Amino acid sequence: MTSLGGPQAGPGEFGEGDVLYTDPHLRVVWSTADSSLLLNGELDVSNSDAVGTALAYARGGSDPLVVDTGGLRFVDLAGLRALLAPGPLGDPSVRLRNVPPYLRRLLDILGHPA
């Protein structure tokens, strides 16, 4: 199941706690309270395209985007690419919050401090 704020919503127009994407392994929720995306579950090849779409869609607003990765239990290479491309971690308007130790280590190795 995929939902990106419904047909009438634009970037930054999601309600508090709106589900942007969900599947058996991952749930992506938008929070208007702090303009953040909350990722919970496993980010992998099966859902990385949807996460990339959600990130691009949410970045359309004027406020900085916070991606809360504290609920991620697993990230594979495709998931990591979704977080890194098209360069969101190099973009000062995007930042990660609550980065799990395993993901922080991967980002450090790749030269992308979290």
PDB file of N, CA and C in Angstrom:
ATOM      1  N   MET A   1       0.843  -1.184   0.000  1.00  0.00           N
ATOM      2  CA  MET A   1       0.000   0.000   0.000  1.00  0.00           C
ATOM      3  C   MET A   1       0.882   1.238   0.000  1.00  0.00           C
ATOM      4  N   THR A   2       0.587   2.170  -0.862  1.00  0.00           N
ATOM      5  CA  THR A   2       1.353   3.403  -0.935  1.00  0.00           C
ATOM      6  C   THR A   2       0.414   4.581  -0.852  1.00  0.00           C
ATOM      7  N   SER A   3       0.789   5.584  -0.097  1.00  0.00           N
ATOM      8  CA  SER A   3       0.006   6.804  -0.016  1.00  0.00           C
ATOM      9  C   SER A   3       0.962   7.957   0.157  1.00  0.00           C
ATOM     10  N   LEU A   4       0.821   8.983  -0.648  1.00  0.00           N
ATOM     11  CA  LEU A   4       1.662  10.163  -0.507  1.00  0.00           C
ATOM     12  C   LEU A   4       0.812  11.377  -0.219  1.00  0.00           C
ATOM     13  N   GLY A   5       0.032  11.333   0.836  1.00  0.00           N
ATOM     14  CA  GLY A   5      -0.746  12.477   1.268  1.00  0.00           C
ATOM     15  C   GLY A   5      -2.066  12.646   0.543  1.00  0.00           C
ATOM     16  N   GLY A   6      -2.415  11.705  -0.310  1.00  0.00           N
ATOM     17  CA  GLY A   6      -3.678  11.794  -1.023  1.00  0.00           C
ATOM     18  C   GLY A   6      -3.573  12.668  -2.255  1.00  0.00           C
ATOM     19  N   PRO A   7      -4.575  12.632  -3.101  1.00  0.00           N
ATOM     20  CA  PRO A   7      -4.495  13.326  -4.375  1.00  0.00           C
ATOM     21  C   PRO A   7      -4.485  14.841  -4.263  1.00  0.00           C
ATOM     22  N   GLN A   8      -4.982  15.403  -3.179  1.00  0.00           N
ATOM     23  CA  GLN A   8      -5.059  16.856  -3.052  1.00  0.00           C
ATOM     24  C   GLN A   8      -3.894  17.455  -2.270  1.00  0.00           C
ATOM     25  N   ALA A   9      -3.110  16.638  -1.622  1.00  0.00           N
ATOM     26  CA  ALA A   9      -2.048  17.162  -0.767  1.00  0.00           C
ATOM     27  C   ALA A   9      -0.809  17.486  -1.570  1.00  0.00           C
ATOM     28  N   GLY A  10      -0.150  18.555  -1.201  1.00  0.00           N
ATOM     29  CA  GLY A  10       1.123  18.921  -1.788  1.00  0.00           C
ATOM     30  C   GLY A  10       2.197  18.832  -0.726  1.00  0.00           C
ATOM     31  N   PRO A  11       3.438  19.121  -1.076  1.00  0.00           N
ATOM     32  CA  PRO A  11       4.509  19.053  -0.097  1.00  0.00           C
ATOM     33  C   PRO A  11       4.210  19.916   1.126  1.00  0.00           C
ATOM     34  N   GLY A  12       4.437  19.355   2.298  1.00  0.00           N
ATOM     35  CA  GLY A  12       4.225  20.085   3.533  1.00  0.00           C
ATOM     36  C   GLY A  12       2.764  20.224   3.919  1.00  0.00           C
ATOM     37  N   GLU A  13       1.855  19.520   3.206  1.00  0.00           N
ATOM     38  CA  GLU A  13       0.428  19.643   3.496  1.00  0.00           C
ATOM     39  C   GLU A  13      -0.148  18.377   4.120  1.00  0.00           C
ATOM     40  N   PHE A  14       0.693  17.547   4.705  1.00  0.00           N
ATOM     41  CA  PHE A  14       0.217  16.333   5.342  1.00  0.00           C
ATOM     42  C   PHE A  14      -0.262  16.659   6.742  1.00  0.00           C
ATOM     43  N   GLY A  15      -1.223  15.889   7.238  1.00  0.00           N
ATOM     44  CA  GLY A  15      -1.659  16.058   8.612  1.00  0.00           C
ATOM     45  C   GLY A  15      -0.673  15.423   9.568  1.00  0.00           C
ATOM     46  N   GLU A  16      -0.797  15.754  10.826  1.00  0.00           N
ATOM     47  CA  GLU A  16       0.075  15.189  11.851  1.00  0.00           C
ATOM     48  C   GLU A  16      -0.049  13.676  11.863  1.00  0.00           C
ATOM     49  N   GLY A  17       1.065  12.991  11.673  1.00  0.00           N
ATOM     50  CA  GLY A  17       1.077  11.546  11.741  1.00  0.00           C
ATOM     51  C   GLY A  17       0.496  10.849  10.527  1.00  0.00           C
ATOM     52  N   ASP A  18       0.408  11.525   9.383  1.00  0.00           N
ATOM     53  CA  ASP A  18      -0.092  10.890   8.167  1.00  0.00           C
ATOM     54  C   ASP A  18       0.889   9.831   7.683  1.00  0.00           C
ATOM     55  N   VAL A  19       0.357   8.696   7.303  1.00  0.00           N
ATOM     56  CA  VAL A  19       1.177   7.619   6.754  1.00  0.00           C
ATOM     57  C   VAL A  19       1.433   7.919   5.283  1.00  0.00           C
ATOM     58  N   LEU A  20       2.698   8.088   4.917  1.00  0.00           N
ATOM     59  CA  LEU A  20       3.065   8.331   3.530  1.00  0.00           C
ATOM     60  C   LEU A  20       3.258   7.040   2.769  1.00  0.00           C
ATOM     61  N   TYR A  21       3.749   6.028   3.480  1.00  0.00           N
ATOM     62  CA  TYR A  21       4.001   4.743   2.844  1.00  0.00           C
ATOM     63  C   TYR A  21       3.984   3.674   3.924  1.00  0.00           C
ATOM     64  N   THR A  22       3.448   2.524   3.552  1.00  0.00           N
ATOM     65  CA  THR A  22       3.516   1.379   4.455  1.00  0.00           C
ATOM     66  C   THR A  22       3.533   0.099   3.634  1.00  0.00           C
ATOM     67  N   ASP A  23       4.272  -0.874   4.115  1.00  0.00           N
ATOM     68  CA  ASP A  23       4.287  -2.220   3.553  1.00  0.00           C
ATOM     69  C   ASP A  23       4.554  -3.161   4.725  1.00  0.00           C
ATOM     70  N   PRO A  24       4.652  -4.457   4.486  1.00  0.00           N
ATOM     71  CA  PRO A  24       4.865  -5.375   5.619  1.00  0.00           C
ATOM     72  C   PRO A  24       6.156  -5.142   6.401  1.00  0.00           C
ATOM     73  N   HIS A  25       7.106  -4.387   5.811  1.00  0.00           N
ATOM     74  CA  HIS A  25       8.409  -4.210   6.462  1.00  0.00           C
ATOM     75  C   HIS A  25       8.710  -2.791   6.928  1.00  0.00           C
ATOM     76  N   LEU A  26       8.027  -1.805   6.362  1.00  0.00           N
ATOM     77  CA  LEU A  26       8.388  -0.423   6.643  1.00  0.00           C
ATOM     78  C   LEU A  26       7.155   0.461   6.696  1.00  0.00           C
ATOM     79  N   ARG A  27       7.232   1.452   7.555  1.00  0.00           N
ATOM     80  CA  ARG A  27       6.178   2.467   7.667  1.00  0.00           C
ATOM     81  C   ARG A  27       6.860   3.836   7.665  1.00  0.00           C
ATOM     82  N   VAL A  28       6.392   4.738   6.795  1.00  0.00           N
ATOM     83  CA  VAL A  28       6.919   6.098   6.704  1.00  0.00           C
ATOM     84  C   VAL A  28       5.787   7.044   7.076  1.00  0.00           C
ATOM     85  N   VAL A  29       6.008   7.847   8.113  1.00  0.00           N
ATOM     86  CA  VAL A  29       4.976   8.732   8.648  1.00  0.00           C
ATOM     87  C   VAL A  29       5.490  10.167   8.602  1.00  0.00           C
ATOM     88  N   TRP A  30       4.618  11.076   8.207  1.00  0.00           N
ATOM     89  CA  TRP A  30       4.936  12.505   8.174  1.00  0.00           C
ATOM     90  C   TRP A  30       4.458  13.162   9.454  1.00  0.00           C
ATOM     91  N   SER A  31       5.279  14.015  10.040  1.00  0.00           N
ATOM     92  CA  SER A  31       4.919  14.790  11.223  1.00  0.00           C
ATOM     93  C   SER A  31       5.016  16.269  10.894  1.00  0.00           C
ATOM     94  N   THR A  32       3.896  16.970  10.945  1.00  0.00           N
ATOM     95  CA  THR A  32       3.907  18.412  10.693  1.00  0.00           C
ATOM     96  C   THR A  32       4.467  19.182  11.885  1.00  0.00           C
ATOM     97  N   ALA A  33       4.493  18.563  13.049  1.00  0.00           N
ATOM     98  CA  ALA A  33       4.983  19.237  14.253  1.00  0.00           C
ATOM     99  C   ALA A  33       6.418  19.739  14.076  1.00  0.00           C
ATOM    100  N   ASP A  34       7.230  18.939  13.388  1.00  0.00           N
ATOM    101  CA  ASP A  34       8.629  19.339  13.196  1.00  0.00           C
ATOM    102  C   ASP A  34       9.112  19.069  11.772  1.00  0.00           C
ATOM    103  N   SER A  35       8.194  18.981  10.833  1.00  0.00           N
ATOM    104  CA  SER A  35       8.544  18.732   9.425  1.00  0.00           C
ATOM    105  C   SER A  35       9.484  17.545   9.304  1.00  0.00           C
ATOM    106  N   SER A  36       9.075  16.412   9.839  1.00  0.00           N
ATOM    107  CA  SER A  36       9.949  15.244   9.816  1.00  0.00           C
ATOM    108  C   SER A  36       9.257  14.030   9.216  1.00  0.00           C
ATOM    109  N   LEU A  37      10.087  13.142   8.685  1.00  0.00           N
ATOM    110  CA  LEU A  37       9.646  11.829   8.252  1.00  0.00           C
ATOM    111  C   LEU A  37      10.130  10.834   9.293  1.00  0.00           C
ATOM    112  N   LEU A  38       9.248   9.992   9.757  1.00  0.00           N
ATOM    113  CA  LEU A  38       9.597   8.957  10.723  1.00  0.00           C
ATOM    114  C   LEU A  38       9.638   7.628   9.987  1.00  0.00           C
ATOM    115  N   LEU A  39      10.788   6.956  10.027  1.00  0.00           N
ATOM    116  CA  LEU A  39      10.956   5.672   9.366  1.00  0.00           C
ATOM    117  C   LEU A  39      10.985   4.579  10.426  1.00  0.00           C
ATOM    118  N   ASN A  40      10.109   3.592  10.282  1.00  0.00           N
ATOM    119  CA  ASN A  40      10.037   2.487  11.236  1.00  0.00           C
ATOM    120  C   ASN A  40      10.030   1.164  10.495  1.00  0.00           C
ATOM    121  N   GLY A  41      10.994   0.301  10.824  1.00  0.00           N
ATOM    122  CA  GLY A  41      11.028  -1.027  10.229  1.00  0.00           C
ATOM    123  C   GLY A  41      12.315  -1.283   9.485  1.00  0.00           C
ATOM    124  N   GLU A  42      12.184  -1.896   8.305  1.00  0.00           N
ATOM    125  CA  GLU A  42      13.326  -2.306   7.501  1.00  0.00           C
ATOM    126  C   GLU A  42      13.292  -1.599   6.154  1.00  0.00           C
ATOM    127  N   LEU A  43      14.356  -0.865   5.868  1.00  0.00           N
ATOM    128  CA  LEU A  43      14.489  -0.143   4.606  1.00  0.00           C
ATOM    129  C   LEU A  43      15.392  -0.966   3.708  1.00  0.00           C
ATOM    130  N   ASP A  44      14.808  -1.528   2.639  1.00  0.00           N
ATOM    131  CA  ASP A  44      15.582  -2.408   1.771  1.00  0.00           C
ATOM    132  C   ASP A  44      15.158  -2.244   0.318  1.00  0.00           C
ATOM    133  N   VAL A  45      15.651  -3.130  -0.528  1.00  0.00           N
ATOM    134  CA  VAL A  45      15.401  -3.045  -1.965  1.00  0.00           C
ATOM    135  C   VAL A  45      13.911  -3.079  -2.295  1.00  0.00           C
ATOM    136  N   SER A  46      13.114  -3.698  -1.456  1.00  0.00           N
ATOM    137  CA  SER A  46      11.680  -3.815  -1.745  1.00  0.00           C
ATOM    138  C   SER A  46      10.921  -2.512  -1.553  1.00  0.00           C
ATOM    139  N   ASN A  47      11.472  -1.569  -0.785  1.00  0.00           N
ATOM    140  CA  ASN A  47      10.741  -0.332  -0.506  1.00  0.00           C
ATOM    141  C   ASN A  47      11.592   0.936  -0.656  1.00  0.00           C
ATOM    142  N   SER A  48      12.821   0.796  -1.110  1.00  0.00           N
ATOM    143  CA  SER A  48      13.709   1.957  -1.204  1.00  0.00           C
ATOM    144  C   SER A  48      13.217   2.986  -2.221  1.00  0.00           C
ATOM    145  N   ASP A  49      12.619   2.540  -3.317  1.00  0.00           N
ATOM    146  CA  ASP A  49      12.093   3.501  -4.300  1.00  0.00           C
ATOM    147  C   ASP A  49      10.972   4.335  -3.695  1.00  0.00           C
ATOM    148  N   ALA A  50      10.108   3.702  -2.923  1.00  0.00           N
ATOM    149  CA  ALA A  50       9.003   4.417  -2.285  1.00  0.00           C
ATOM    150  C   ALA A  50       9.526   5.414  -1.254  1.00  0.00           C
ATOM    151  N   VAL A  51      10.569   5.059  -0.533  1.00  0.00           N
ATOM    152  CA  VAL A  51      11.163   5.985   0.436  1.00  0.00           C
ATOM    153  C   VAL A  51      11.809   7.157  -0.290  1.00  0.00           C
ATOM    154  N   GLY A  52      12.494   6.883  -1.379  1.00  0.00           N
ATOM    155  CA  GLY A  52      13.075   7.958  -2.173  1.00  0.00           C
ATOM    156  C   GLY A  52      12.007   8.923  -2.672  1.00  0.00           C
ATOM    157  N   THR A  53      10.876   8.374  -3.104  1.00  0.00           N
ATOM    158  CA  THR A  53       9.759   9.207  -3.550  1.00  0.00           C
ATOM    159  C   THR A  53       9.205  10.039  -2.402  1.00  0.00           C
ATOM    160  N   ALA A  54       9.045   9.420  -1.234  1.00  0.00           N
ATOM    161  CA  ALA A  54       8.529  10.142  -0.060  1.00  0.00           C
ATOM    162  C   ALA A  54       9.488  11.256   0.355  1.00  0.00           C
ATOM    163  N   LEU A  55      10.789  10.983   0.312  1.00  0.00           N
ATOM    164  CA  LEU A  55      11.785  12.005   0.652  1.00  0.00           C
ATOM    165  C   LEU A  55      11.719  13.173  -0.330  1.00  0.00           C
ATOM    166  N   ALA A  56      11.661  12.866  -1.603  1.00  0.00           N
ATOM    167  CA  ALA A  56      11.606  13.932  -2.614  1.00  0.00           C
ATOM    168  C   ALA A  56      10.331  14.742  -2.470  1.00  0.00           C
ATOM    169  N   TYR A  57       9.232  14.077  -2.203  1.00  0.00           N
ATOM    170  CA  TYR A  57       7.944  14.751  -2.063  1.00  0.00           C
ATOM    171  C   TYR A  57       7.933  15.664  -0.838  1.00  0.00           C
ATOM    172  N   ALA A  58       8.427  15.142   0.282  1.00  0.00           N
ATOM    173  CA  ALA A  58       8.436  15.915   1.528  1.00  0.00           C
ATOM    174  C   ALA A  58       9.416  17.078   1.460  1.00  0.00           C
ATOM    175  N   ARG A  59      10.475  16.954   0.678  1.00  0.00           N
ATOM    176  CA  ARG A  59      11.469  18.024   0.570  1.00  0.00           C
ATOM    177  C   ARG A  59      10.939  19.212  -0.205  1.00  0.00           C
ATOM    178  N   GLY A  60       9.775  19.088  -0.798  1.00  0.00           N
ATOM    179  CA  GLY A  60       9.210  20.174  -1.581  1.00  0.00           C
ATOM    180  C   GLY A  60       8.794  21.377  -0.757  1.00  0.00           C
ATOM    181  N   GLY A  61       8.678  21.222   0.545  1.00  0.00           N
ATOM    182  CA  GLY A  61       8.305  22.341   1.416  1.00  0.00           C
ATOM    183  C   GLY A  61       9.481  23.272   1.640  1.00  0.00           C
ATOM    184  N   SER A  62       9.214  24.404   2.284  1.00  0.00           N
ATOM    185  CA  SER A  62      10.277  25.386   2.515  1.00  0.00           C
ATOM    186  C   SER A  62      11.044  25.132   3.813  1.00  0.00           C
ATOM    187  N   ASP A  63      10.466  24.363   4.735  1.00  0.00           N
ATOM    188  CA  ASP A  63      11.137  24.080   6.000  1.00  0.00           C
ATOM    189  C   ASP A  63      12.178  22.974   5.818  1.00  0.00           C
ATOM    190  N   PRO A  64      13.227  22.991   6.659  1.00  0.00           N
ATOM    191  CA  PRO A  64      14.188  21.888   6.616  1.00  0.00           C
ATOM    192  C   PRO A  64      13.486  20.566   6.917  1.00  0.00           C
ATOM    193  N   LEU A  65      13.942  19.514   6.286  1.00  0.00           N
ATOM    194  CA  LEU A  65      13.355  18.188   6.479  1.00  0.00           C
ATOM    195  C   LEU A  65      14.216  17.379   7.432  1.00  0.00           C
ATOM    196  N   VAL A  66      13.593  16.828   8.449  1.00  0.00           N
ATOM    197  CA  VAL A  66      14.259  15.947   9.401  1.00  0.00           C
ATOM    198  C   VAL A  66      13.781  14.534   9.119  1.00  0.00           C
ATOM    199  N   VAL A  67      14.728  13.602   8.985  1.00  0.00           N
ATOM    200  CA  VAL A  67      14.402  12.197   8.777  1.00  0.00           C
ATOM    201  C   VAL A  67      14.798  11.463  10.044  1.00  0.00           C
ATOM    202  N   ASP A  68      13.794  10.965  10.768  1.00  0.00           N
ATOM    203  CA  ASP A  68      14.029  10.244  12.022  1.00  0.00           C
ATOM    204  C   ASP A  68      14.218   8.774  11.703  1.00  0.00           C
ATOM    205  N   THR A  69      15.450   8.296  11.871  1.00  0.00           N
ATOM    206  CA  THR A  69      15.785   6.916  11.536  1.00  0.00           C
ATOM    207  C   THR A  69      15.846   6.006  12.763  1.00  0.00           C
ATOM    208  N   GLY A  70      15.423   6.511  13.904  1.00  0.00           N
ATOM    209  CA  GLY A  70      15.509   5.754  15.145  1.00  0.00           C
ATOM    210  C   GLY A  70      14.733   4.455  15.141  1.00  0.00           C
ATOM    211  N   GLY A  71      13.711   4.357  14.312  1.00  0.00           N
ATOM    212  CA  GLY A  71      12.898   3.144  14.253  1.00  0.00           C
ATOM    213  C   GLY A  71      13.355   2.143  13.210  1.00  0.00           C
ATOM    214  N   LEU A  72      14.464   2.429  12.518  1.00  0.00           N
ATOM    215  CA  LEU A  72      14.957   1.497  11.506  1.00  0.00           C
ATOM    216  C   LEU A  72      15.742   0.370  12.157  1.00  0.00           C
ATOM    217  N   ARG A  73      15.311  -0.850  11.894  1.00  0.00           N
ATOM    218  CA  ARG A  73      16.008  -2.034  12.421  1.00  0.00           C
ATOM    219  C   ARG A  73      17.039  -2.576  11.443  1.00  0.00           C
ATOM    220  N   PHE A  74      16.869  -2.225  10.152  1.00  0.00           N
ATOM    221  CA  PHE A  74      17.740  -2.768   9.112  1.00  0.00           C
ATOM    222  C   PHE A  74      17.734  -1.819   7.921  1.00  0.00           C
ATOM    223  N   VAL A  75      18.903  -1.643   7.307  1.00  0.00           N
ATOM    224  CA  VAL A  75      19.025  -0.878   6.066  1.00  0.00           C
ATOM    225  C   VAL A  75      20.010  -1.611   5.171  1.00  0.00           C
ATOM    226  N   ASP A  76      19.575  -1.986   3.958  1.00  0.00           N
ATOM    227  CA  ASP A  76      20.501  -2.596   3.017  1.00  0.00           C
ATOM    228  C   ASP A  76      21.068  -1.531   2.087  1.00  0.00           C
ATOM    229  N   LEU A  77      21.841  -1.945   1.089  1.00  0.00           N
ATOM    230  CA  LEU A  77      22.487  -0.989   0.202  1.00  0.00           C
ATOM    231  C   LEU A  77      21.475  -0.126  -0.553  1.00  0.00           C
ATOM    232  N   ALA A  78      20.395  -0.726  -1.025  1.00  0.00           N
ATOM    233  CA  ALA A  78      19.364   0.041  -1.736  1.00  0.00           C
ATOM    234  C   ALA A  78      18.722   1.068  -0.807  1.00  0.00           C
ATOM    235  N   GLY A  79      18.495   0.695   0.435  1.00  0.00           N
ATOM    236  CA  GLY A  79      17.931   1.619   1.414  1.00  0.00           C
ATOM    237  C   GLY A  79      18.882   2.760   1.720  1.00  0.00           C
ATOM    238  N   LEU A  80      20.157   2.431   1.828  1.00  0.00           N
ATOM    239  CA  LEU A  80      21.171   3.451   2.071  1.00  0.00           C
ATOM    240  C   LEU A  80      21.236   4.425   0.904  1.00  0.00           C
ATOM    241  N   ARG A  81      21.144   3.897  -0.305  1.00  0.00           N
ATOM    242  CA  ARG A  81      21.138   4.763  -1.497  1.00  0.00           C
ATOM    243  C   ARG A  81      19.924   5.695  -1.477  1.00  0.00           C
ATOM    244  N   ALA A  82      18.795   5.201  -1.028  1.00  0.00           N
ATOM    245  CA  ALA A  82      17.598   6.051  -0.955  1.00  0.00           C
ATOM    246  C   ALA A  82      17.807   7.204   0.022  1.00  0.00           C
ATOM    247  N   LEU A  83      18.506   6.950   1.113  1.00  0.00           N
ATOM    248  CA  LEU A  83      18.784   8.010   2.081  1.00  0.00           C
ATOM    249  C   LEU A  83      19.832   8.992   1.572  1.00  0.00           C
ATOM    250  N   LEU A  84      20.768   8.502   0.764  1.00  0.00           N
ATOM    251  CA  LEU A  84      21.867   9.343   0.302  1.00  0.00           C
ATOM    252  C   LEU A  84      21.582  10.057  -1.018  1.00  0.00           C
ATOM    253  N   ALA A  85      20.719   9.513  -1.842  1.00  0.00           N
ATOM    254  CA  ALA A  85      20.492  10.091  -3.183  1.00  0.00           C
ATOM    255  C   ALA A  85      19.109  10.701  -3.268  1.00  0.00           C
ATOM    256  N   PRO A  86      18.924  11.796  -3.950  1.00  0.00           N
ATOM    257  CA  PRO A  86      19.961  12.533  -4.672  1.00  0.00           C
ATOM    258  C   PRO A  86      20.673  13.521  -3.768  1.00  0.00           C
ATOM    259  N   GLY A  87      21.531  13.006  -2.936  1.00  0.00           N
ATOM    260  CA  GLY A  87      22.355  13.842  -2.082  1.00  0.00           C
ATOM    261  C   GLY A  87      21.668  14.486  -0.898  1.00  0.00           C
ATOM    262  N   PRO A  88      20.610  13.870  -0.316  1.00  0.00           N
ATOM    263  CA  PRO A  88      19.930  14.564   0.762  1.00  0.00           C
ATOM    264  C   PRO A  88      20.814  14.844   1.975  1.00  0.00           C
ATOM    265  N   LEU A  89      21.785  13.982   2.248  1.00  0.00           N
ATOM    266  CA  LEU A  89      22.623  14.234   3.424  1.00  0.00           C
ATOM    267  C   LEU A  89      23.635  15.338   3.175  1.00  0.00           C
ATOM    268  N   GLY A  90      23.905  15.646   1.915  1.00  0.00           N
ATOM    269  CA  GLY A  90      24.767  16.772   1.602  1.00  0.00           C
ATOM    270  C   GLY A  90      23.990  18.073   1.511  1.00  0.00           C
ATOM    271  N   ASP A  91      22.691  17.972   1.551  1.00  0.00           N
ATOM    272  CA  ASP A  91      21.804  19.129   1.462  1.00  0.00           C
ATOM    273  C   ASP A  91      21.542  19.624   2.882  1.00  0.00           C
ATOM    274  N   PRO A  92      21.869  20.884   3.193  1.00  0.00           N
ATOM    275  CA  PRO A  92      21.678  21.379   4.557  1.00  0.00           C
ATOM    276  C   PRO A  92      20.212  21.446   4.980  1.00  0.00           C
ATOM    277  N   SER A  93      19.298  21.323   4.034  1.00  0.00           N
ATOM    278  CA  SER A  93      17.881  21.366   4.401  1.00  0.00           C
ATOM    279  C   SER A  93      17.351  19.985   4.783  1.00  0.00           C
ATOM    280  N   VAL A  94      18.230  18.968   4.782  1.00  0.00           N
ATOM    281  CA  VAL A  94      17.848  17.613   5.184  1.00  0.00           C
ATOM    282  C   VAL A  94      18.836  17.129   6.233  1.00  0.00           C
ATOM    283  N   ARG A  95      18.299  16.602   7.343  1.00  0.00           N
ATOM    284  CA  ARG A  95      19.191  16.044   8.363  1.00  0.00           C
ATOM    285  C   ARG A  95      18.563  14.810   8.988  1.00  0.00           C
ATOM    286  N   LEU A  96      19.424  13.918   9.465  1.00  0.00           N
ATOM    287  CA  LEU A  96      18.970  12.703  10.130  1.00  0.00           C
ATOM    288  C   LEU A  96      18.924  12.927  11.632  1.00  0.00           C
ATOM    289  N   ARG A  97      17.955  12.259  12.265  1.00  0.00           N
ATOM    290  CA  ARG A  97      17.799  12.341  13.719  1.00  0.00           C
ATOM    291  C   ARG A  97      17.669  10.921  14.255  1.00  0.00           C
ATOM    292  N   ASN A  98      18.147  10.708  15.458  1.00  0.00           N
ATOM    293  CA  ASN A  98      18.048   9.401  16.127  1.00  0.00           C
ATOM    294  C   ASN A  98      18.646   8.280  15.281  1.00  0.00           C
ATOM    295  N   VAL A  99      19.843   8.512  14.768  1.00  0.00           N
ATOM    296  CA  VAL A  99      20.498   7.541  13.892  1.00  0.00           C
ATOM    297  C   VAL A  99      20.991   6.352  14.726  1.00  0.00           C
ATOM    298  N   PRO A 100      20.541   5.132  14.396  1.00  0.00           N
ATOM    299  CA  PRO A 100      21.013   3.955  15.131  1.00  0.00           C
ATOM    300  C   PRO A 100      22.519   3.760  14.937  1.00  0.00           C
ATOM    301  N   PRO A 101      23.192   3.149  15.907  1.00  0.00           N
ATOM    302  CA  PRO A 101      24.649   2.982  15.824  1.00  0.00           C
ATOM    303  C   PRO A 101      25.125   2.286  14.556  1.00  0.00           C
ATOM    304  N   TYR A 102      24.428   1.236  14.105  1.00  0.00           N
ATOM    305  CA  TYR A 102      24.867   0.526  12.908  1.00  0.00           C
ATOM    306  C   TYR A 102      24.803   1.440  11.678  1.00  0.00           C
ATOM    307  N   LEU A 103      23.793   2.298  11.591  1.00  0.00           N
ATOM    308  CA  LEU A 103      23.646   3.197  10.457  1.00  0.00           C
ATOM    309  C   LEU A 103      24.656   4.343  10.550  1.00  0.00           C
ATOM    310  N   ARG A 104      24.899   4.823  11.756  1.00  0.00           N
ATOM    311  CA  ARG A 104      25.904   5.870  11.957  1.00  0.00           C
ATOM    312  C   ARG A 104      27.276   5.373  11.497  1.00  0.00           C
ATOM    313  N   ARG A 105      27.599   4.132  11.832  1.00  0.00           N
ATOM    314  CA  ARG A 105      28.894   3.564  11.429  1.00  0.00           C
ATOM    315  C   ARG A 105      29.001   3.491   9.909  1.00  0.00           C
ATOM    316  N   LEU A 106      27.952   3.016   9.249  1.00  0.00           N
ATOM    317  CA  LEU A 106      27.956   2.958   7.781  1.00  0.00           C
ATOM    318  C   LEU A 106      28.140   4.332   7.164  1.00  0.00           C
ATOM    319  N   LEU A 107      27.423   5.305   7.670  1.00  0.00           N
ATOM    320  CA  LEU A 107      27.530   6.667   7.137  1.00  0.00           C
ATOM    321  C   LEU A 107      28.917   7.243   7.363  1.00  0.00           C
ATOM    322  N   ASP A 108      29.503   6.969   8.520  1.00  0.00           N
ATOM    323  CA  ASP A 108      30.864   7.434   8.805  1.00  0.00           C
ATOM    324  C   ASP A 108      31.865   6.822   7.818  1.00  0.00           C
ATOM    325  N   ILE A 109      31.721   5.520   7.567  1.00  0.00           N
ATOM    326  CA  ILE A 109      32.609   4.828   6.627  1.00  0.00           C
ATOM    327  C   ILE A 109      32.516   5.451   5.242  1.00  0.00           C
ATOM    328  N   LEU A 110      31.300   5.852   4.866  1.00  0.00           N
ATOM    329  CA  LEU A 110      31.070   6.435   3.540  1.00  0.00           C
ATOM    330  C   LEU A 110      31.371   7.933   3.480  1.00  0.00           C
ATOM    331  N   GLY A 111      31.762   8.509   4.627  1.00  0.00           N
ATOM    332  CA  GLY A 111      32.089   9.927   4.654  1.00  0.00           C
ATOM    333  C   GLY A 111      30.885  10.841   4.720  1.00  0.00           C
ATOM    334  N   HIS A 112      29.777  10.319   5.223  1.00  0.00           N
ATOM    335  CA  HIS A 112      28.544  11.111   5.401  1.00  0.00           C
ATOM    336  C   HIS A 112      28.198  11.130   6.889  1.00  0.00           C
ATOM    337  N   PRO A 113      28.818  12.002   7.671  1.00  0.00           N
ATOM    338  CA  PRO A 113      28.504  12.021   9.110  1.00  0.00           C
ATOM    339  C   PRO A 113      27.029  12.328   9.340  1.00  0.00           C
ATOM    340  N   ALA A 114      26.452  11.605  10.270  1.00  0.00           N
ATOM    341  CA  ALA A 114      25.016  11.759  10.560  1.00  0.00           C
ATOM    342  C   ALA A 114      24.772  12.825  11.586  1.00  0.00           C
TER     343      ALA A 114
END
